[in-house]
Amino acid sequence: MLAIELRKVILLIAVVTIVTAALVAPLNAATDAKIVIVDVTPTALAPGDIKDVSLTVKNQGGRDARHIILNFQNGDDVSLIGSSTVHLASLNAWCSNEIPITIKVNDEIDGGAYPIPIKVTFDEYSYSASEGKVITPMNVTPTIVFNVEGITTLEVADVETNPPELREDSENNDLTVLIDNSGTAKARSVTVKIVPTSPFTEAYSGSTSDFTDEIAARKSHRFVFALDIEDSAKEGSYTIPITIDYLDEADQKISLDKSITLKIGSQADFRVGEATTNPAAITRGTEFRINVPVKNIGNKNAEAVKAILKTKSYFTGTKTDYLGDIEQGSEKIATFELDADRDTIADNYETDIKIMWLDGDERLETTKSFALVVVSGEGLNTGITAIAAVAVILIVVIIGVFIYFKSKKRKGE
């Protein structure tokens, strides 16, 4: 704010100086020729402007001026287009003349007051009774001042996501939007909001809005957001609206409507079918094989698929199976050899199967679940006990018969 007020003061002083020069004649005006600039229109410029400017040059004195040369001392930021030297044949006493010039303002100029000094040389013509016509070389250096108002220009420069390729049914996808201020005035209190539309949703409260105190001229700032993606989202490009709110240098509230494009890539996805075991009934202490159908129901082939079984500690054995490539719509069987611990109780065990695969150079994974059922082994134990009892009885009978016949043989002898 201080810089703005200072520019206004400098511009006001320049205007007052020009107006005063135009209205108030110096005390020695009757005897001197004096070249001044009494008006400049316009004086307000913006970065990148190319404008036609009118200068009113006046001989504010009582003697004529001849062979007037105005040499403009251009700066790097505000300068004349074309020749910086302007010639005027003459200006009689108290007369004025308008001259056109074209001013160019640098694109990357900061706001402020920019003076252009003018070195003016001319010959003053006078007459005296004793000397006749008198020519006196003269020079002055008036200054014109242009006020350049800085411009704030905010644009979306880049969009990045983590992971780089967005997938359906994913959460907390990081989104970084780079906002660039290519203008010459800073933007203050900058808030950027994204307005997610289906299949994108807010990941958590406040994850679609970000803020920074300031974006300086010709600087950038990264705004970070987080989005979830709905299940069954289709691959393709989606346009997401965003709004940028900020204060300019004059404390005016500015709101911009922009948009970004997010792409959801194709992806393999898997459905786990009904698991089967051999033997069909699993009891404690049983060795068994489990077969789990794995079908690719996604919209892309899956390479180097591996299935990893994640079970309770009661189950031990081989828990990894390499399935190879599974094309879109195809199914393969993941097979695992396991033992049920003797302490395993009858129950439905929620079992996870993690499926990992390659998508180009990226390793992806998903986890599905199914039930592993262990039944009671009591009925089986009762049967075994009965068989054992019969066997014992049979053995006793055989031994008894053997003893009987052996005793009878001894008596016969």
Protein backbone atom coordinates (compact mmCIF):
# COMPACT_ATOMS: atom_id res chain seq x y z
CA MET A 1 0.00 0.00 0.00
CA LEU A 2 2.89 2.36 0.80
CA ALA A 3 4.34 1.82 -2.68
CA ILE A 4 0.98 2.59 -4.28
CA GLU A 5 0.56 5.81 -2.28
CA LEU A 6 4.14 6.85 -3.13
CA ARG A 7 3.49 6.38 -6.84
CA LYS A 8 0.36 8.48 -6.58
CA VAL A 9 2.26 11.26 -4.81
CA ILE A 10 5.01 11.25 -7.47
CA LEU A 11 2.42 11.38 -10.24
CA LEU A 12 0.52 14.18 -8.48
CA ILE A 13 3.70 16.24 -8.09
CA ALA A 14 4.47 15.79 -11.80
CA VAL A 15 0.96 16.86 -12.81
CA VAL A 16 0.99 19.87 -10.47
CA THR A 17 4.40 20.91 -11.82
CA ILE A 18 3.16 20.79 -15.40
CA VAL A 19 -0.05 22.68 -14.64
CA THR A 20 1.79 25.30 -12.59
CA ALA A 21 4.27 25.80 -15.39
CA ALA A 22 1.39 26.34 -17.77
CA LEU A 23 -0.48 28.87 -15.62
CA VAL A 24 2.21 30.82 -13.85
CA ALA A 25 4.74 32.76 -15.88
CA PRO A 26 8.17 33.30 -14.33
CA LEU A 27 9.17 36.82 -13.36
CA ASN A 28 11.74 37.00 -16.13
CA ALA A 29 9.41 35.50 -18.74
CA ALA A 30 9.33 38.79 -20.61
CA THR A 31 13.04 38.55 -21.36
CA ASP A 32 13.68 34.77 -21.67
CA ALA A 33 12.44 32.00 -23.94
CA LYS A 34 11.68 28.86 -21.97
CA ILE A 35 10.62 25.50 -23.36
CA VAL A 36 8.36 23.47 -21.03
CA ILE A 37 6.01 20.50 -21.31
CA VAL A 38 2.59 21.64 -20.15
CA ASP A 39 0.52 18.49 -20.86
CA VAL A 40 1.00 14.75 -21.38
CA THR A 41 -1.97 12.58 -22.41
CA PRO A 42 -2.30 9.83 -21.33
CA THR A 43 0.06 9.20 -18.41
CA ALA A 44 -1.51 5.98 -17.09
CA LEU A 45 -0.03 2.87 -18.68
CA ALA A 46 0.03 -0.87 -18.08
CA PRO A 47 2.78 -3.46 -18.59
CA GLY A 48 3.09 -4.41 -22.24
CA ASP A 49 1.27 -1.27 -23.46
CA ILE A 50 2.09 0.40 -26.76
CA LYS A 51 0.29 3.74 -26.69
CA ASP A 52 0.15 6.96 -28.71
CA VAL A 53 0.88 9.86 -26.39
CA SER A 54 0.34 13.56 -27.05
CA LEU A 55 2.81 16.10 -25.59
CA THR A 56 2.06 19.82 -25.48
CA VAL A 57 5.33 21.78 -25.80
CA LYS A 58 5.13 25.47 -24.91
CA ASN A 59 7.48 28.41 -25.12
CA GLN A 60 6.65 29.93 -21.80
CA GLY A 61 8.64 33.10 -22.31
CA GLY A 62 8.63 36.47 -24.05
CA ARG A 63 11.21 35.67 -26.72
CA ASP A 64 11.01 33.37 -29.70
CA ALA A 65 12.71 29.97 -29.80
CA ARG A 66 14.16 28.49 -33.00
CA HIS A 67 15.70 25.13 -33.99
CA ILE A 68 14.19 23.28 -31.04
CA ILE A 69 15.46 19.72 -30.49
CA LEU A 70 13.85 17.41 -27.90
CA ASN A 71 16.04 14.42 -27.05
CA PHE A 72 14.10 11.87 -24.95
CA GLN A 73 16.25 9.95 -22.43
CA ASN A 74 14.61 6.53 -22.70
CA GLY A 75 14.74 4.02 -19.88
CA ASP A 76 14.82 0.23 -20.12
CA ASP A 77 11.21 -0.13 -19.02
CA VAL A 78 9.41 2.83 -20.64
CA SER A 79 10.69 4.20 -23.94
CA LEU A 80 9.75 5.75 -27.26
CA ILE A 81 9.18 3.63 -30.33
CA GLY A 82 11.13 4.98 -33.25
CA SER A 83 13.44 7.97 -33.03
CA SER A 84 14.01 9.41 -29.58
CA THR A 85 14.71 12.84 -31.08
CA VAL A 86 11.98 15.29 -32.13
CA HIS A 87 12.60 18.54 -34.04
CA LEU A 88 10.50 21.70 -33.94
CA ALA A 89 11.27 24.57 -36.27
CA SER A 90 10.17 27.30 -33.88
CA LEU A 91 7.90 28.39 -31.06
CA ASN A 92 7.06 32.03 -30.79
CA ALA A 93 6.73 33.64 -27.40
CA TRP A 94 3.85 32.16 -25.36
CA CYS A 95 2.94 29.74 -28.13
CA SER A 96 2.60 25.97 -27.91
CA ASN A 97 2.59 22.96 -30.19
CA GLU A 98 1.39 19.37 -29.79
CA ILE A 99 3.72 16.59 -30.81
CA PRO A 100 2.76 12.87 -31.03
CA ILE A 101 5.02 10.14 -29.68
CA THR A 102 4.50 6.40 -29.20
CA ILE A 103 5.44 4.85 -25.88
CA LYS A 104 6.23 1.18 -25.27
CA VAL A 105 6.09 -0.37 -21.80
CA ASN A 106 8.09 -3.48 -20.93
CA ASP A 107 5.96 -6.63 -20.41
CA GLU A 108 7.60 -7.50 -17.08
CA ILE A 109 7.70 -4.04 -15.58
CA ASP A 110 6.68 -3.51 -11.96
CA GLY A 111 4.02 -0.99 -11.07
CA GLY A 112 5.26 2.51 -10.26
CA ALA A 113 6.08 6.00 -11.56
CA TYR A 114 8.56 6.08 -14.46
CA PRO A 115 10.13 9.45 -15.45
CA ILE A 116 11.59 10.22 -18.88
CA PRO A 117 13.90 13.27 -18.84
CA ILE A 118 14.02 15.34 -22.05
CA LYS A 119 17.12 17.27 -22.99
CA VAL A 120 15.90 20.31 -24.92
CA THR A 121 18.21 22.58 -26.88
CA PHE A 122 17.11 25.65 -28.81
CA ASP A 123 18.19 29.10 -29.98
CA GLU A 124 16.63 32.12 -28.34
CA TYR A 125 16.01 35.02 -30.71
CA SER A 126 15.97 38.60 -29.37
CA TYR A 127 16.62 42.15 -30.64
CA SER A 128 18.40 45.10 -29.11
CA ALA A 129 18.92 48.60 -30.45
CA SER A 130 22.63 48.39 -29.92
CA GLU A 131 23.29 44.84 -31.19
CA GLY A 132 20.34 44.18 -33.45
CA LYS A 133 19.29 40.48 -33.71
CA VAL A 134 20.76 38.37 -30.93
CA ILE A 135 20.83 34.49 -31.02
CA THR A 136 21.50 32.80 -27.72
CA PRO A 137 21.90 28.98 -27.45
CA MET A 138 19.77 27.64 -24.58
CA ASN A 139 19.02 24.25 -22.97
CA VAL A 140 16.58 22.91 -20.41
CA THR A 141 15.70 19.42 -19.10
CA PRO A 142 12.01 18.98 -18.39
CA THR A 143 10.72 15.55 -17.29
CA ILE A 144 7.57 13.68 -18.15
CA VAL A 145 6.28 10.95 -15.79
CA PHE A 146 4.21 7.86 -16.62
CA ASN A 147 2.36 5.88 -13.98
CA VAL A 148 2.40 2.14 -14.61
CA GLU A 149 -0.18 0.05 -12.81
CA GLY A 150 0.93 -3.55 -12.21
CA ILE A 151 -1.30 -6.38 -13.46
CA THR A 152 -1.94 -9.66 -11.66
CA THR A 153 -2.35 -12.60 -14.04
CA LEU A 154 -3.06 -15.98 -12.44
CA GLU A 155 -3.22 -19.12 -14.56
CA VAL A 156 -3.10 -22.88 -14.04
CA ALA A 157 0.41 -23.81 -15.10
CA ASP A 158 0.57 -27.53 -14.27
CA VAL A 159 -1.31 -30.41 -12.63
CA GLU A 160 0.35 -33.41 -10.97
CA THR A 161 -1.18 -36.47 -9.29
CA ASN A 162 0.19 -39.07 -6.92
CA PRO A 163 -0.07 -41.82 -8.03
CA PRO A 164 0.77 -40.56 -11.53
CA GLU A 165 -2.06 -42.61 -13.08
CA LEU A 166 -5.40 -42.40 -11.30
CA ARG A 167 -7.45 -45.56 -10.80
CA GLU A 168 -11.07 -46.36 -10.06
CA ASP A 169 -12.07 -47.14 -6.48
CA SER A 170 -8.96 -45.46 -5.00
CA GLU A 171 -8.66 -43.14 -2.01
CA ASN A 172 -6.54 -40.16 -0.98
CA ASN A 173 -5.14 -39.44 -4.42
CA ASP A 174 -2.87 -36.42 -3.99
CA LEU A 175 -3.47 -33.61 -6.49
CA THR A 176 -1.06 -30.68 -6.89
CA VAL A 177 -2.10 -27.64 -8.95
CA LEU A 178 0.61 -25.12 -9.88
CA ILE A 179 -0.78 -21.56 -10.09
CA ASP A 180 1.49 -19.13 -11.93
CA ASN A 181 1.39 -15.34 -11.58
CA SER A 182 2.77 -14.13 -14.90
CA GLY A 183 1.73 -10.55 -14.14
CA THR A 184 3.64 -7.64 -12.65
CA ALA A 185 1.68 -7.23 -9.42
CA LYS A 186 1.44 -9.69 -6.55
CA ALA A 187 -1.75 -11.50 -5.59
CA ARG A 188 -2.59 -11.61 -1.87
CA SER A 189 -4.76 -13.93 0.21
CA VAL A 190 -5.01 -16.49 -2.58
CA THR A 191 -7.53 -19.32 -2.10
CA VAL A 192 -7.90 -22.10 -4.65
CA LYS A 193 -10.90 -24.45 -4.51
CA ILE A 194 -11.61 -27.44 -6.69
CA VAL A 195 -15.21 -28.55 -7.27
CA PRO A 196 -15.04 -32.33 -7.74
CA THR A 197 -17.68 -33.94 -9.91
CA SER A 198 -18.43 -37.63 -10.36
CA PRO A 199 -16.48 -39.90 -10.30
CA PHE A 200 -14.29 -37.73 -8.02
CA THR A 201 -15.21 -36.94 -4.41
CA GLU A 202 -13.62 -35.07 -1.52
CA ALA A 203 -11.15 -37.37 0.28
CA TYR A 204 -11.67 -35.71 3.67
CA SER A 205 -12.96 -32.44 5.09
CA GLY A 206 -11.03 -29.51 3.65
CA SER A 207 -9.16 -31.58 1.07
CA THR A 208 -10.60 -29.57 -1.86
CA SER A 209 -9.36 -26.13 -0.72
CA ASP A 210 -5.91 -24.62 -0.16
CA PHE A 211 -4.58 -21.15 0.71
CA THR A 212 -1.43 -19.03 0.55
CA ASP A 213 -0.75 -15.49 1.80
CA GLU A 214 0.80 -14.25 -1.42
CA ILE A 215 1.97 -15.10 -4.93
CA ALA A 216 4.59 -12.55 -5.94
CA ALA A 217 4.81 -11.17 -9.48
CA ARG A 218 6.30 -13.69 -11.90
CA LYS A 219 6.26 -16.39 -9.22
CA SER A 220 4.29 -19.62 -8.73
CA HIS A 221 2.73 -21.56 -5.87
CA ARG A 222 1.69 -25.20 -5.51
CA PHE A 223 -1.75 -25.91 -4.07
CA VAL A 224 -2.32 -29.43 -2.73
CA PHE A 225 -5.63 -31.35 -2.60
CA ALA A 226 -6.84 -34.94 -2.09
CA LEU A 227 -9.57 -36.82 -3.95
CA ASP A 228 -11.25 -40.21 -3.82
CA ILE A 229 -12.41 -41.96 -6.97
CA GLU A 230 -15.69 -43.86 -7.05
CA ASP A 231 -15.95 -47.55 -7.71
CA SER A 232 -16.73 -48.49 -11.33
CA ALA A 233 -15.34 -45.18 -12.61
CA LYS A 234 -14.81 -45.33 -16.36
CA GLU A 235 -11.44 -44.65 -17.89
CA GLY A 236 -11.07 -41.34 -19.69
CA SER A 237 -10.45 -37.61 -19.17
CA TYR A 238 -12.58 -35.52 -16.80
CA THR A 239 -12.82 -31.73 -16.51
CA ILE A 240 -12.86 -30.43 -12.93
CA PRO A 241 -13.84 -26.77 -12.25
CA ILE A 242 -11.65 -24.70 -9.92
CA THR A 243 -12.00 -21.16 -8.56
CA ILE A 244 -9.18 -18.78 -7.65
CA ASP A 245 -9.99 -15.95 -5.22
CA TYR A 246 -7.45 -13.25 -4.32
CA LEU A 247 -6.90 -9.57 -3.49
CA ASP A 248 -5.16 -7.33 -6.00
CA GLU A 249 -2.86 -4.40 -5.13
CA ALA A 250 -5.85 -2.10 -4.75
CA ASP A 251 -7.43 -4.50 -2.22
CA GLN A 252 -10.14 -5.47 -4.70
CA LYS A 253 -11.53 -9.00 -4.42
CA ILE A 254 -11.00 -10.92 -7.65
CA SER A 255 -12.52 -14.31 -8.47
CA LEU A 256 -11.43 -16.41 -11.45
CA ASP A 257 -13.11 -19.52 -12.86
CA LYS A 258 -10.67 -22.03 -14.31
CA SER A 259 -10.60 -25.79 -14.88
CA ILE A 260 -8.21 -28.71 -14.80
CA THR A 261 -8.26 -32.08 -16.56
CA LEU A 262 -7.77 -35.37 -14.71
CA LYS A 263 -7.38 -38.74 -16.42
CA ILE A 264 -8.46 -42.11 -15.07
CA GLY A 265 -6.47 -44.91 -16.67
CA SER A 266 -7.61 -48.41 -17.61
CA GLN A 267 -6.86 -51.06 -14.99
CA ALA A 268 -7.16 -54.75 -14.30
CA ASP A 269 -9.49 -55.70 -11.46
CA PHE A 270 -10.19 -59.05 -9.86
CA ARG A 271 -13.09 -61.03 -8.47
CA VAL A 272 -12.44 -64.00 -6.19
CA GLY A 273 -14.83 -66.89 -6.68
CA GLU A 274 -15.97 -69.56 -4.22
CA ALA A 275 -13.00 -71.37 -2.71
CA THR A 276 -13.01 -75.19 -2.63
CA THR A 277 -10.91 -77.52 -0.50
CA ASN A 278 -9.68 -81.09 -0.73
CA PRO A 279 -10.81 -82.76 1.45
CA ALA A 280 -14.12 -80.94 1.39
CA ALA A 281 -14.40 -80.93 5.19
CA ILE A 282 -11.50 -79.37 7.07
CA THR A 283 -11.00 -80.37 10.68
CA ARG A 284 -8.24 -79.64 13.14
CA GLY A 285 -5.03 -81.41 12.33
CA THR A 286 -6.01 -81.82 8.66
CA GLU A 287 -3.71 -81.36 5.69
CA PHE A 288 -5.69 -79.84 2.85
CA ARG A 289 -5.47 -78.10 -0.51
CA ILE A 290 -7.46 -74.93 -1.19
CA ASN A 291 -8.34 -73.71 -4.69
CA VAL A 292 -9.36 -70.05 -5.18
CA PRO A 293 -10.70 -68.89 -8.59
CA VAL A 294 -9.28 -65.46 -9.57
CA LYS A 295 -10.96 -63.69 -12.50
CA ASN A 296 -9.80 -60.47 -14.20
CA ILE A 297 -13.00 -58.39 -14.45
CA GLY A 298 -11.18 -55.12 -15.20
CA ASN A 299 -10.65 -53.34 -18.52
CA LYS A 300 -6.99 -54.21 -19.00
CA ASN A 301 -4.80 -57.34 -19.09
CA ALA A 302 -2.81 -58.09 -15.94
CA GLU A 303 0.81 -59.23 -16.17
CA ALA A 304 2.82 -61.35 -13.72
CA VAL A 305 -0.08 -61.98 -11.35
CA LYS A 306 0.80 -63.39 -7.93
CA ALA A 307 -1.65 -64.45 -5.21
CA ILE A 308 -0.65 -64.34 -1.55
CA LEU A 309 -2.84 -65.95 1.10
CA LYS A 310 -3.10 -64.13 4.42
CA THR A 311 -4.52 -66.54 7.03
CA LYS A 312 -4.74 -66.94 10.77
CA SER A 313 -1.70 -68.44 12.49
CA TYR A 314 -3.62 -71.74 12.89
CA PHE A 315 -2.96 -72.43 9.20
CA THR A 316 0.55 -73.08 7.92
CA GLY A 317 2.02 -74.17 4.62
CA THR A 318 2.46 -72.78 1.11
CA LYS A 319 0.64 -69.46 0.91
CA THR A 320 1.94 -68.03 -2.38
CA ASP A 321 1.00 -68.96 -5.94
CA TYR A 322 2.27 -67.40 -9.18
CA LEU A 323 -0.50 -67.23 -11.77
CA GLY A 324 1.29 -65.49 -14.65
CA ASP A 325 -0.64 -63.23 -17.02
CA ILE A 326 -4.43 -63.05 -16.77
CA GLU A 327 -6.15 -61.47 -19.76
CA GLN A 328 -9.23 -59.33 -19.47
CA GLY A 329 -12.21 -61.61 -18.76
CA SER A 330 -10.06 -64.69 -18.07
CA GLU A 331 -9.82 -66.76 -14.87
CA LYS A 332 -7.10 -68.78 -13.19
CA ILE A 333 -7.01 -70.94 -10.05
CA ALA A 334 -4.72 -70.03 -7.15
CA THR A 335 -3.76 -73.19 -5.23
CA PHE A 336 -2.32 -73.42 -1.72
CA GLU A 337 -1.24 -76.44 0.37
CA LEU A 338 -2.02 -75.91 4.07
CA ASP A 339 -2.14 -77.64 7.44
CA ALA A 340 -4.79 -76.91 10.08
CA ASP A 341 -3.21 -76.80 13.52
CA ARG A 342 -4.48 -79.34 16.10
CA ASP A 343 -5.65 -76.40 18.22
CA THR A 344 -7.82 -75.04 15.39
CA ILE A 345 -11.42 -74.74 16.49
CA ALA A 346 -14.47 -75.08 14.28
CA ASP A 347 -15.35 -71.67 12.81
CA ASN A 348 -15.69 -69.53 9.66
CA TYR A 349 -12.29 -67.88 9.17
CA GLU A 350 -12.33 -64.63 7.15
CA THR A 351 -9.30 -65.07 4.93
CA ASP A 352 -7.62 -62.42 2.75
CA ILE A 353 -5.98 -63.06 -0.57
CA LYS A 354 -3.69 -60.31 -1.84
CA ILE A 355 -3.40 -60.16 -5.63
CA MET A 356 -0.37 -58.38 -7.08
CA TRP A 357 0.32 -57.66 -10.74
CA LEU A 358 2.33 -55.48 -13.11
CA ASP A 359 0.82 -52.61 -15.10
CA GLY A 360 3.70 -51.49 -17.27
CA ASP A 361 6.47 -50.56 -14.83
CA GLU A 362 4.05 -50.08 -11.96
CA ARG A 363 3.34 -52.80 -9.39
CA LEU A 364 -0.32 -52.76 -8.35
CA GLU A 365 -2.17 -54.78 -5.74
CA THR A 366 -5.63 -55.39 -4.35
CA THR A 367 -6.95 -57.47 -1.45
CA LYS A 368 -10.07 -59.65 -1.58
CA SER A 369 -11.64 -61.87 1.07
CA PHE A 370 -13.34 -65.26 1.33
CA ALA A 371 -14.43 -67.65 4.12
CA LEU A 372 -12.37 -70.67 5.12
CA VAL A 373 -14.60 -73.10 7.04
CA VAL A 374 -13.30 -75.52 9.68
CA VAL A 375 -15.82 -78.10 10.95
CA SER A 376 -15.89 -79.98 14.25
CA GLY A 377 -13.89 -83.24 14.35
CA GLU A 378 -15.89 -84.88 17.20
CA GLY A 379 -18.03 -87.12 14.99
CA LEU A 380 -14.94 -88.37 13.22
CA ASN A 381 -13.18 -89.12 16.54
CA THR A 382 -16.20 -91.16 17.81
CA GLY A 383 -16.10 -93.33 14.73
CA ILE A 384 -12.39 -93.89 15.08
CA THR A 385 -12.89 -94.87 18.74
CA ALA A 386 -15.60 -97.40 17.80
CA ILE A 387 -13.41 -98.95 15.12
CA ALA A 388 -10.54 -99.15 17.56
CA ALA A 389 -12.80 -100.85 20.13
CA VAL A 390 -13.95 -103.44 17.58
CA ALA A 391 -10.36 -104.07 16.61
CA VAL A 392 -9.38 -104.61 20.23
CA ILE A 393 -12.27 -107.03 20.74
CA LEU A 394 -11.33 -108.88 17.59
CA ILE A 395 -7.75 -109.20 18.73
CA VAL A 396 -8.88 -110.48 22.14
CA VAL A 397 -11.11 -113.07 20.47
CA ILE A 398 -8.30 -114.23 18.20
CA ILE A 399 -5.92 -114.52 21.12
CA GLY A 400 -8.59 -116.40 23.14
CA VAL A 401 -9.18 -118.86 20.29
CA PHE A 402 -5.47 -119.37 19.92
CA ILE A 403 -5.04 -120.11 23.63
CA TYR A 404 -8.05 -122.45 23.63
CA PHE A 405 -6.78 -124.61 20.81
CA LYS A 406 -3.27 -124.65 22.22
CA SER A 407 -4.57 -125.88 25.64
CA LYS A 408 -6.66 -128.59 24.00
CA LYS A 409 -3.66 -129.86 22.07
CA ARG A 410 -1.62 -130.20 25.22
CA LYS A 411 -4.33 -132.28 26.91
CA GLY A 412 -4.50 -134.62 23.95
CA GLU A 413 -0.84 -135.34 24.21
